[in-house]
Amino acid sequence: MYATQKNQLRRLSQLEFDALSALCRLSKNLFNVALVDSKKAMALDLGVDNLCACIDTEGHQFLIDGKRLKSINRWYNKQNAYLTSLKEKQGIKCVTNRQARLYQWRNNCVRDYLNKAARLIINHCIEHKIGKLIVGYNPGIKQEINLGLSNNQNFVQIPFWQLRRKLEALCSRYGIEYTEQEESYTSKASFYDQDKIPVYNADNPAKHQFSGRRIKRGLYRTKDKHLVSSDMNGCANILAKCMHGLDFQRVSRGFLANPLRIFIS
């Protein structure tokens, strides 16, 4: 993609070196901007069983599996609980070497999985010349969520903020505009019926009526009784809620009903 030329510069001051580095980064980003189309956008909806639901204005859609991360967390929690019980029986109060190695293993596995997921998403954007990446986000989701002990354990231990930061860094590298979109009511509204999506107000909560509804886990029913993936419906609503004047003509019900599922090894 780039033509690389190595030159050795001598006797540069720190100020000159910093300015030259900034110029190189800027010129690289300006080159990348020409490779993408700002009228094309892609939205992400983050979750647990499905780490990412992804849909773009070109009609492409896919799900990135998140069950492996759940499996890693569950095995880590089980092993850590066992080591903690042994530690308590022996009267040890500090973190043991086995616990430290287990924690490091878990972090390495999660980091590797998120790196691969972020790279897959960015490669899709580059391949289809997508110039905007919109990530659904609820402020305070880590601190305020209360889904019960088991669900909280899985949800909170998945570092979604790390995935967002990785995506933001890659977007900056390749000249893609990165945006985080507040996603309240996106899972309740019907994208197929073009429902208006309000913004949740915690100080003055109001009830809203929508055309369709979620009938069970992973399945959403529209006004005309069509069944679509609830994750893809929510993701498409994030894309619509960003209000960037995007073209949705290529996004059809068929794409929402049969998403491609991608497993990361």
C-alpha atoms as a PDB file:
ATOM      1  CA  MET A   1       0.000   0.000   0.000  1.00  0.00           C
ATOM      2  CA  TYR A   2       2.867   2.379   0.790  1.00  0.00           C
ATOM      3  CA  ALA A   3       6.183   3.099  -0.917  1.00  0.00           C
ATOM      4  CA  THR A   4       8.829   3.084   1.806  1.00  0.00           C
ATOM      5  CA  GLN A   5      12.126   4.921   1.547  1.00  0.00           C
ATOM      6  CA  LYS A   6      14.696   4.889   4.337  1.00  0.00           C
ATOM      7  CA  ASN A   7      16.909   7.920   4.833  1.00  0.00           C
ATOM      8  CA  GLN A   8      19.241   8.609   7.731  1.00  0.00           C
ATOM      9  CA  LEU A   9      18.957  12.116   9.186  1.00  0.00           C
ATOM     10  CA  ARG A  10      21.707  13.402  11.461  1.00  0.00           C
ATOM     11  CA  ARG A  11      21.893  16.091  14.136  1.00  0.00           C
ATOM     12  CA  LEU A  12      18.156  16.619  14.524  1.00  0.00           C
ATOM     13  CA  SER A  13      16.968  18.337  17.670  1.00  0.00           C
ATOM     14  CA  GLN A  14      14.143  16.746  19.662  1.00  0.00           C
ATOM     15  CA  LEU A  15      11.749  19.460  18.480  1.00  0.00           C
ATOM     16  CA  GLU A  16      12.666  18.860  14.830  1.00  0.00           C
ATOM     17  CA  PHE A  17      12.340  15.104  15.283  1.00  0.00           C
ATOM     18  CA  ASP A  18       8.859  15.432  16.831  1.00  0.00           C
ATOM     19  CA  ALA A  19       7.733  17.768  14.039  1.00  0.00           C
ATOM     20  CA  LEU A  20       9.012  15.373  11.371  1.00  0.00           C
ATOM     21  CA  SER A  21       7.264  12.424  13.039  1.00  0.00           C
ATOM     22  CA  ALA A  22       3.984  14.350  13.169  1.00  0.00           C
ATOM     23  CA  LEU A  23       4.351  15.285   9.489  1.00  0.00           C
ATOM     24  CA  CYS A  24       4.894  11.631   8.525  1.00  0.00           C
ATOM     25  CA  ARG A  25       1.798  10.542  10.441  1.00  0.00           C
ATOM     26  CA  LEU A  26      -0.284  13.341   8.915  1.00  0.00           C
ATOM     27  CA  SER A  27       0.817  12.574   5.359  1.00  0.00           C
ATOM     28  CA  LYS A  28       0.069   8.880   5.896  1.00  0.00           C
ATOM     29  CA  ASN A  29      -3.440   9.668   7.173  1.00  0.00           C
ATOM     30  CA  LEU A  30      -4.096  12.049   4.274  1.00  0.00           C
ATOM     31  CA  PHE A  31      -3.098   9.275   1.877  1.00  0.00           C
ATOM     32  CA  ASN A  32      -5.449   6.842   3.632  1.00  0.00           C
ATOM     33  CA  VAL A  33      -8.390   9.273   3.496  1.00  0.00           C
ATOM     34  CA  ALA A  34      -8.285   9.051  -0.301  1.00  0.00           C
ATOM     35  CA  LEU A  35      -8.713   5.266  -0.084  1.00  0.00           C
ATOM     36  CA  VAL A  36     -12.123   5.356   1.656  1.00  0.00           C
ATOM     37  CA  ASP A  37     -15.526   6.863   0.894  1.00  0.00           C
ATOM     38  CA  SER A  38     -17.010   9.104   3.600  1.00  0.00           C
ATOM     39  CA  LYS A  39     -20.519   8.342   2.294  1.00  0.00           C
ATOM     40  CA  LYS A  40     -20.132   4.694   3.305  1.00  0.00           C
ATOM     41  CA  ALA A  41     -20.505   3.740   6.963  1.00  0.00           C
ATOM     42  CA  MET A  42     -20.472   0.680   9.169  1.00  0.00           C
ATOM     43  CA  ALA A  43     -22.113   0.231  12.591  1.00  0.00           C
ATOM     44  CA  LEU A  44     -21.171  -2.113  15.441  1.00  0.00           C
ATOM     45  CA  ASP A  45     -23.353  -3.369  18.284  1.00  0.00           C
ATOM     46  CA  LEU A  46     -21.278  -4.925  21.079  1.00  0.00           C
ATOM     47  CA  GLY A  47     -22.547  -7.851  23.135  1.00  0.00           C
ATOM     48  CA  VAL A  48     -21.631 -11.073  24.929  1.00  0.00           C
ATOM     49  CA  ASP A  49     -22.719 -14.145  22.924  1.00  0.00           C
ATOM     50  CA  ASN A  50     -22.191 -12.064  19.800  1.00  0.00           C
ATOM     51  CA  LEU A  51     -19.153  -9.903  20.489  1.00  0.00           C
ATOM     52  CA  CYS A  52     -19.998  -7.637  17.542  1.00  0.00           C
ATOM     53  CA  ALA A  53     -22.976  -7.337  15.254  1.00  0.00           C
ATOM     54  CA  CYS A  54     -21.773  -5.502  12.147  1.00  0.00           C
ATOM     55  CA  ILE A  55     -23.714  -3.964   9.270  1.00  0.00           C
ATOM     56  CA  ASP A  56     -22.761  -1.378   6.651  1.00  0.00           C
ATOM     57  CA  THR A  57     -24.565   0.821   4.159  1.00  0.00           C
ATOM     58  CA  GLU A  58     -23.498  -1.507   1.331  1.00  0.00           C
ATOM     59  CA  GLY A  59     -25.727  -4.257   2.738  1.00  0.00           C
ATOM     60  CA  HIS A  60     -22.953  -6.448   4.158  1.00  0.00           C
ATOM     61  CA  GLN A  61     -23.637  -7.908   7.588  1.00  0.00           C
ATOM     62  CA  PHE A  62     -21.978 -10.409   9.918  1.00  0.00           C
ATOM     63  CA  LEU A  63     -21.724 -11.450  13.548  1.00  0.00           C
ATOM     64  CA  ILE A  64     -18.435 -12.006  15.380  1.00  0.00           C
ATOM     65  CA  ASP A  65     -18.800 -14.848  17.865  1.00  0.00           C
ATOM     66  CA  GLY A  66     -18.231 -13.966  21.519  1.00  0.00           C
ATOM     67  CA  LYS A  67     -18.857 -17.321  23.179  1.00  0.00           C
ATOM     68  CA  ARG A  68     -15.154 -18.143  23.249  1.00  0.00           C
ATOM     69  CA  LEU A  69     -14.560 -15.087  25.451  1.00  0.00           C
ATOM     70  CA  LYS A  70     -17.355 -16.287  27.751  1.00  0.00           C
ATOM     71  CA  SER A  71     -15.694 -19.696  27.889  1.00  0.00           C
ATOM     72  CA  ILE A  72     -12.326 -18.142  28.767  1.00  0.00           C
ATOM     73  CA  ASN A  73     -13.903 -16.097  31.564  1.00  0.00           C
ATOM     74  CA  ARG A  74     -15.801 -19.060  32.996  1.00  0.00           C
ATOM     75  CA  TRP A  75     -12.727 -21.296  33.039  1.00  0.00           C
ATOM     76  CA  TYR A  76     -10.660 -18.513  34.592  1.00  0.00           C
ATOM     77  CA  ASN A  77     -13.276 -17.897  37.308  1.00  0.00           C
ATOM     78  CA  LYS A  78     -13.543 -21.613  38.084  1.00  0.00           C
ATOM     79  CA  GLN A  79      -9.776 -22.075  38.362  1.00  0.00           C
ATOM     80  CA  ASN A  80      -9.316 -18.873  40.343  1.00  0.00           C
ATOM     81  CA  ALA A  81     -12.026 -19.918  42.825  1.00  0.00           C
ATOM     82  CA  TYR A  82     -10.277 -23.270  43.290  1.00  0.00           C
ATOM     83  CA  LEU A  83      -6.890 -21.613  43.866  1.00  0.00           C
ATOM     84  CA  THR A  84      -8.469 -19.128  46.273  1.00  0.00           C
ATOM     85  CA  SER A  85      -9.965 -21.951  48.350  1.00  0.00           C
ATOM     86  CA  LEU A  86      -6.555 -23.644  48.561  1.00  0.00           C
ATOM     87  CA  LYS A  87      -4.945 -20.358  49.519  1.00  0.00           C
ATOM     88  CA  GLU A  88      -7.451 -19.756  52.321  1.00  0.00           C
ATOM     89  CA  LYS A  89      -6.899 -23.244  53.738  1.00  0.00           C
ATOM     90  CA  GLN A  90      -3.160 -22.555  53.889  1.00  0.00           C
ATOM     91  CA  GLY A  91      -3.641 -19.110  55.409  1.00  0.00           C
ATOM     92  CA  ILE A  92      -2.080 -17.274  52.452  1.00  0.00           C
ATOM     93  CA  LYS A  93      -3.391 -13.725  51.986  1.00  0.00           C
ATOM     94  CA  CYS A  94      -1.417 -12.512  48.967  1.00  0.00           C
ATOM     95  CA  VAL A  95      -1.818 -13.473  45.308  1.00  0.00           C
ATOM     96  CA  THR A  96      -0.029 -16.745  44.578  1.00  0.00           C
ATOM     97  CA  ASN A  97       2.221 -17.425  41.591  1.00  0.00           C
ATOM     98  CA  ARG A  98      -0.360 -19.808  40.097  1.00  0.00           C
ATOM     99  CA  GLN A  99      -3.038 -17.115  40.328  1.00  0.00           C
ATOM    100  CA  ALA A 100      -0.724 -14.573  38.706  1.00  0.00           C
ATOM    101  CA  ARG A 101       0.056 -16.956  35.830  1.00  0.00           C
ATOM    102  CA  LEU A 102      -3.654 -17.739  35.418  1.00  0.00           C
ATOM    103  CA  TYR A 103      -4.514 -14.026  35.335  1.00  0.00           C
ATOM    104  CA  GLN A 104      -1.779 -13.361  32.765  1.00  0.00           C
ATOM    105  CA  TRP A 105      -3.003 -16.255  30.598  1.00  0.00           C
ATOM    106  CA  ARG A 106      -6.555 -14.953  30.674  1.00  0.00           C
ATOM    107  CA  ASN A 107      -5.473 -11.414  29.761  1.00  0.00           C
ATOM    108  CA  ASN A 108      -3.330 -12.675  26.866  1.00  0.00           C
ATOM    109  CA  CYS A 109      -6.208 -14.747  25.458  1.00  0.00           C
ATOM    110  CA  VAL A 110      -8.677 -11.861  25.682  1.00  0.00           C
ATOM    111  CA  ARG A 111      -6.200  -9.379  24.189  1.00  0.00           C
ATOM    112  CA  ASP A 112      -5.431 -11.709  21.288  1.00  0.00           C
ATOM    113  CA  TYR A 113      -9.130 -12.279  20.570  1.00  0.00           C
ATOM    114  CA  LEU A 114      -9.938  -8.558  20.615  1.00  0.00           C
ATOM    115  CA  ASN A 115      -6.954  -7.746  18.381  1.00  0.00           C
ATOM    116  CA  LYS A 116      -8.127 -10.275  15.799  1.00  0.00           C
ATOM    117  CA  ALA A 117     -11.727  -9.015  15.981  1.00  0.00           C
ATOM    118  CA  ALA A 118     -10.655  -5.380  15.535  1.00  0.00           C
ATOM    119  CA  ARG A 119      -8.395  -6.273  12.604  1.00  0.00           C
ATOM    120  CA  LEU A 120     -11.204  -8.241  10.921  1.00  0.00           C
ATOM    121  CA  ILE A 121     -13.557  -5.253  11.193  1.00  0.00           C
ATOM    122  CA  ILE A 122     -11.010  -2.748   9.884  1.00  0.00           C
ATOM    123  CA  ASN A 123     -10.023  -5.041   7.002  1.00  0.00           C
ATOM    124  CA  HIS A 124     -13.693  -5.173   5.996  1.00  0.00           C
ATOM    125  CA  CYS A 125     -13.828  -1.364   6.032  1.00  0.00           C
ATOM    126  CA  ILE A 126     -10.680  -1.094   3.911  1.00  0.00           C
ATOM    127  CA  GLU A 127     -11.841  -3.751   1.440  1.00  0.00           C
ATOM    128  CA  HIS A 128     -15.178  -2.001   0.854  1.00  0.00           C
ATOM    129  CA  LYS A 129     -13.779   1.556   1.162  1.00  0.00           C
ATOM    130  CA  ILE A 130     -15.928   2.398   4.188  1.00  0.00           C
ATOM    131  CA  GLY A 131     -15.058   5.821   5.579  1.00  0.00           C
ATOM    132  CA  LYS A 132     -17.055   5.863   8.845  1.00  0.00           C
ATOM    133  CA  LEU A 133     -17.175   3.412  11.734  1.00  0.00           C
ATOM    134  CA  ILE A 134     -19.998   3.900  14.253  1.00  0.00           C
ATOM    135  CA  VAL A 135     -19.835   1.967  17.531  1.00  0.00           C
ATOM    136  CA  GLY A 136     -22.880   1.707  19.785  1.00  0.00           C
ATOM    137  CA  TYR A 137     -22.164   2.700  23.366  1.00  0.00           C
ATOM    138  CA  ASN A 138     -24.064   3.200  26.627  1.00  0.00           C
ATOM    139  CA  PRO A 139     -22.252   5.504  29.099  1.00  0.00           C
ATOM    140  CA  GLY A 140     -21.546   3.841  32.445  1.00  0.00           C
ATOM    141  CA  ILE A 141     -22.424   0.351  31.228  1.00  0.00           C
ATOM    142  CA  LYS A 142     -19.598  -1.244  33.249  1.00  0.00           C
ATOM    143  CA  GLN A 143     -20.500   0.466  36.513  1.00  0.00           C
ATOM    144  CA  GLU A 144     -24.287   0.525  36.446  1.00  0.00           C
ATOM    145  CA  ILE A 145     -25.255  -2.801  34.879  1.00  0.00           C
ATOM    146  CA  ASN A 146     -27.098  -5.263  37.132  1.00  0.00           C
ATOM    147  CA  LEU A 147     -28.037  -8.480  35.331  1.00  0.00           C
ATOM    148  CA  GLY A 148     -27.487 -10.961  38.147  1.00  0.00           C
ATOM    149  CA  LEU A 149     -24.316 -12.631  39.364  1.00  0.00           C
ATOM    150  CA  SER A 150     -23.651 -14.941  36.407  1.00  0.00           C
ATOM    151  CA  ASN A 151     -24.456 -12.432  33.652  1.00  0.00           C
ATOM    152  CA  ASN A 152     -22.584  -9.612  35.372  1.00  0.00           C
ATOM    153  CA  GLN A 153     -19.540 -11.842  35.627  1.00  0.00           C
ATOM    154  CA  ASN A 154     -19.518 -12.530  31.890  1.00  0.00           C
ATOM    155  CA  PHE A 155     -20.485  -9.035  30.787  1.00  0.00           C
ATOM    156  CA  VAL A 156     -18.209  -6.951  32.991  1.00  0.00           C
ATOM    157  CA  GLN A 157     -15.150  -9.131  32.444  1.00  0.00           C
ATOM    158  CA  ILE A 158     -15.269  -8.584  28.682  1.00  0.00           C
ATOM    159  CA  PRO A 159     -13.261  -5.337  28.231  1.00  0.00           C
ATOM    160  CA  PHE A 160     -15.403  -3.614  25.602  1.00  0.00           C
ATOM    161  CA  TRP A 161     -13.503  -0.379  26.202  1.00  0.00           C
ATOM    162  CA  GLN A 162     -10.324  -2.109  25.000  1.00  0.00           C
ATOM    163  CA  LEU A 163     -12.041  -3.141  21.781  1.00  0.00           C
ATOM    164  CA  ARG A 164     -13.288   0.414  21.230  1.00  0.00           C
ATOM    165  CA  ARG A 165      -9.815   1.861  21.788  1.00  0.00           C
ATOM    166  CA  LYS A 166      -8.244  -0.679  19.414  1.00  0.00           C
ATOM    167  CA  LEU A 167     -10.811   0.188  16.750  1.00  0.00           C
ATOM    168  CA  GLU A 168     -10.255   3.905  17.294  1.00  0.00           C
ATOM    169  CA  ALA A 169      -6.481   3.512  16.890  1.00  0.00           C
ATOM    170  CA  LEU A 170      -6.846   1.455  13.705  1.00  0.00           C
ATOM    171  CA  CYS A 171      -9.358   3.932  12.288  1.00  0.00           C
ATOM    172  CA  SER A 172      -6.890   6.750  12.894  1.00  0.00           C
ATOM    173  CA  ARG A 173      -4.175   4.764  11.121  1.00  0.00           C
ATOM    174  CA  TYR A 174      -6.254   4.110   8.008  1.00  0.00           C
ATOM    175  CA  GLY A 175      -8.073   7.433   7.732  1.00  0.00           C
ATOM    176  CA  ILE A 176     -11.489   6.112   8.844  1.00  0.00           C
ATOM    177  CA  GLU A 177     -13.746   8.385  10.891  1.00  0.00           C
ATOM    178  CA  TYR A 178     -14.504   6.799  14.291  1.00  0.00           C
ATOM    179  CA  THR A 179     -17.726   7.691  16.141  1.00  0.00           C
ATOM    180  CA  GLU A 180     -19.384   6.378  19.303  1.00  0.00           C
ATOM    181  CA  GLN A 181     -23.182   6.513  19.181  1.00  0.00           C
ATOM    182  CA  GLU A 182     -25.497   6.431  22.203  1.00  0.00           C
ATOM    183  CA  GLU A 183     -27.685   3.351  21.644  1.00  0.00           C
ATOM    184  CA  SER A 184     -30.757   3.659  23.878  1.00  0.00           C
ATOM    185  CA  TYR A 185     -33.946   2.074  22.425  1.00  0.00           C
ATOM    186  CA  THR A 186     -32.072   0.649  19.420  1.00  0.00           C
ATOM    187  CA  SER A 187     -32.965  -2.907  20.479  1.00  0.00           C
ATOM    188  CA  LYS A 188     -36.672  -2.032  20.857  1.00  0.00           C
ATOM    189  CA  ALA A 189     -37.284   0.027  17.712  1.00  0.00           C
ATOM    190  CA  SER A 190     -37.892  -1.605  14.335  1.00  0.00           C
ATOM    191  CA  PHE A 191     -35.397  -0.637  11.640  1.00  0.00           C
ATOM    192  CA  TYR A 192     -37.507  -2.355   8.981  1.00  0.00           C
ATOM    193  CA  ASP A 193     -40.532  -0.177   9.915  1.00  0.00           C
ATOM    194  CA  GLN A 194     -38.358   2.965  10.189  1.00  0.00           C
ATOM    195  CA  ASP A 195     -39.321   3.725  13.793  1.00  0.00           C
ATOM    196  CA  LYS A 196     -38.084   6.997  15.234  1.00  0.00           C
ATOM    197  CA  ILE A 197     -35.521   6.287  17.951  1.00  0.00           C
ATOM    198  CA  PRO A 198     -35.572   8.651  20.964  1.00  0.00           C
ATOM    199  CA  VAL A 199     -32.758   9.274  23.437  1.00  0.00           C
ATOM    200  CA  TYR A 200     -33.237   7.920  26.953  1.00  0.00           C
ATOM    201  CA  ASN A 201     -33.596  10.578  29.638  1.00  0.00           C
ATOM    202  CA  ALA A 202     -32.869   9.199  33.113  1.00  0.00           C
ATOM    203  CA  ASP A 203     -34.238  12.330  34.807  1.00  0.00           C
ATOM    204  CA  ASN A 204     -37.550  12.120  32.968  1.00  0.00           C
ATOM    205  CA  PRO A 205     -38.079   8.572  31.641  1.00  0.00           C
ATOM    206  CA  ALA A 206     -40.962   8.196  29.200  1.00  0.00           C
ATOM    207  CA  LYS A 207     -42.714   5.211  27.633  1.00  0.00           C
ATOM    208  CA  HIS A 208     -42.433   4.828  23.871  1.00  0.00           C
ATOM    209  CA  GLN A 209     -44.388   2.622  21.489  1.00  0.00           C
ATOM    210  CA  PHE A 210     -42.581   0.835  18.662  1.00  0.00           C
ATOM    211  CA  SER A 211     -43.837  -1.079  15.641  1.00  0.00           C
ATOM    212  CA  GLY A 212     -42.235  -4.433  16.482  1.00  0.00           C
ATOM    213  CA  ARG A 213     -40.899  -6.227  19.509  1.00  0.00           C
ATOM    214  CA  ARG A 214     -38.326  -8.762  20.590  1.00  0.00           C
ATOM    215  CA  ILE A 215     -40.150 -12.076  21.052  1.00  0.00           C
ATOM    216  CA  LYS A 216     -37.241 -14.141  22.392  1.00  0.00           C
ATOM    217  CA  ARG A 217     -33.473 -14.125  22.660  1.00  0.00           C
ATOM    218  CA  GLY A 218     -31.939 -13.270  19.306  1.00  0.00           C
ATOM    219  CA  LEU A 219     -35.245 -12.865  17.447  1.00  0.00           C
ATOM    220  CA  TYR A 220     -37.179  -9.688  16.627  1.00  0.00           C
ATOM    221  CA  ARG A 221     -40.635  -9.510  15.004  1.00  0.00           C
ATOM    222  CA  THR A 222     -41.517  -6.498  12.844  1.00  0.00           C
ATOM    223  CA  LYS A 223     -44.911  -4.858  12.381  1.00  0.00           C
ATOM    224  CA  ASP A 224     -45.698  -7.134   9.408  1.00  0.00           C
ATOM    225  CA  LYS A 225     -44.725 -10.280  11.395  1.00  0.00           C
ATOM    226  CA  HIS A 226     -41.370 -10.656   9.648  1.00  0.00           C
ATOM    227  CA  LEU A 227     -38.675 -12.285  11.794  1.00  0.00           C
ATOM    228  CA  VAL A 228     -35.174 -10.800  11.835  1.00  0.00           C
ATOM    229  CA  SER A 229     -32.077 -11.098  14.002  1.00  0.00           C
ATOM    230  CA  SER A 230     -32.491  -8.853  17.045  1.00  0.00           C
ATOM    231  CA  ASP A 231     -28.748  -8.099  17.070  1.00  0.00           C
ATOM    232  CA  MET A 232     -28.766  -7.035  13.429  1.00  0.00           C
ATOM    233  CA  ASN A 233     -31.931  -4.963  13.972  1.00  0.00           C
ATOM    234  CA  GLY A 234     -30.270  -3.140  16.868  1.00  0.00           C
ATOM    235  CA  CYS A 235     -27.075  -2.649  14.874  1.00  0.00           C
ATOM    236  CA  ALA A 236     -29.003  -1.204  11.919  1.00  0.00           C
ATOM    237  CA  ASN A 237     -30.785   1.169  14.307  1.00  0.00           C
ATOM    238  CA  ILE A 238     -27.410   2.391  15.598  1.00  0.00           C
ATOM    239  CA  LEU A 239     -26.491   3.116  11.992  1.00  0.00           C
ATOM    240  CA  ALA A 240     -29.758   5.021  11.507  1.00  0.00           C
ATOM    241  CA  LYS A 241     -29.553   6.873  14.840  1.00  0.00           C
ATOM    242  CA  CYS A 242     -26.202   8.477  14.067  1.00  0.00           C
ATOM    243  CA  MET A 243     -28.049  10.849  11.665  1.00  0.00           C
ATOM    244  CA  HIS A 244     -25.227  11.346   9.162  1.00  0.00           C
ATOM    245  CA  GLY A 245     -27.522  11.426   6.133  1.00  0.00           C
ATOM    246  CA  LEU A 246     -26.468   7.923   5.103  1.00  0.00           C
ATOM    247  CA  ASP A 247     -28.014   5.898   2.296  1.00  0.00           C
ATOM    248  CA  PHE A 248     -29.759   2.701   3.503  1.00  0.00           C
ATOM    249  CA  GLN A 249     -31.161   1.515   0.167  1.00  0.00           C
ATOM    250  CA  ARG A 250     -28.924  -1.571   0.116  1.00  0.00           C
ATOM    251  CA  VAL A 251     -29.912  -2.667   3.641  1.00  0.00           C
ATOM    252  CA  SER A 252     -32.862  -5.062   3.267  1.00  0.00           C
ATOM    253  CA  ARG A 253     -34.812  -7.392   5.559  1.00  0.00           C
ATOM    254  CA  GLY A 254     -33.046 -10.388   4.045  1.00  0.00           C
ATOM    255  CA  PHE A 255     -29.698  -9.110   5.303  1.00  0.00           C
ATOM    256  CA  LEU A 256     -31.141  -8.606   8.808  1.00  0.00           C
ATOM    257  CA  ALA A 257     -32.700 -12.082   8.913  1.00  0.00           C
ATOM    258  CA  ASN A 258     -29.697 -14.207   7.879  1.00  0.00           C
ATOM    259  CA  PRO A 259     -26.441 -12.760   9.220  1.00  0.00           C
ATOM    260  CA  LEU A 260     -23.130 -14.501   8.596  1.00  0.00           C
ATOM    261  CA  ARG A 261     -21.487 -15.742  11.811  1.00  0.00           C
ATOM    262  CA  ILE A 262     -17.688 -15.526  12.028  1.00  0.00           C
ATOM    263  CA  PHE A 263     -15.667 -17.577  14.518  1.00  0.00           C
ATOM    264  CA  ILE A 264     -12.219 -16.358  15.557  1.00  0.00           C
ATOM    265  CA  SER A 265      -9.680 -19.031  16.453  1.00  0.00           C
END
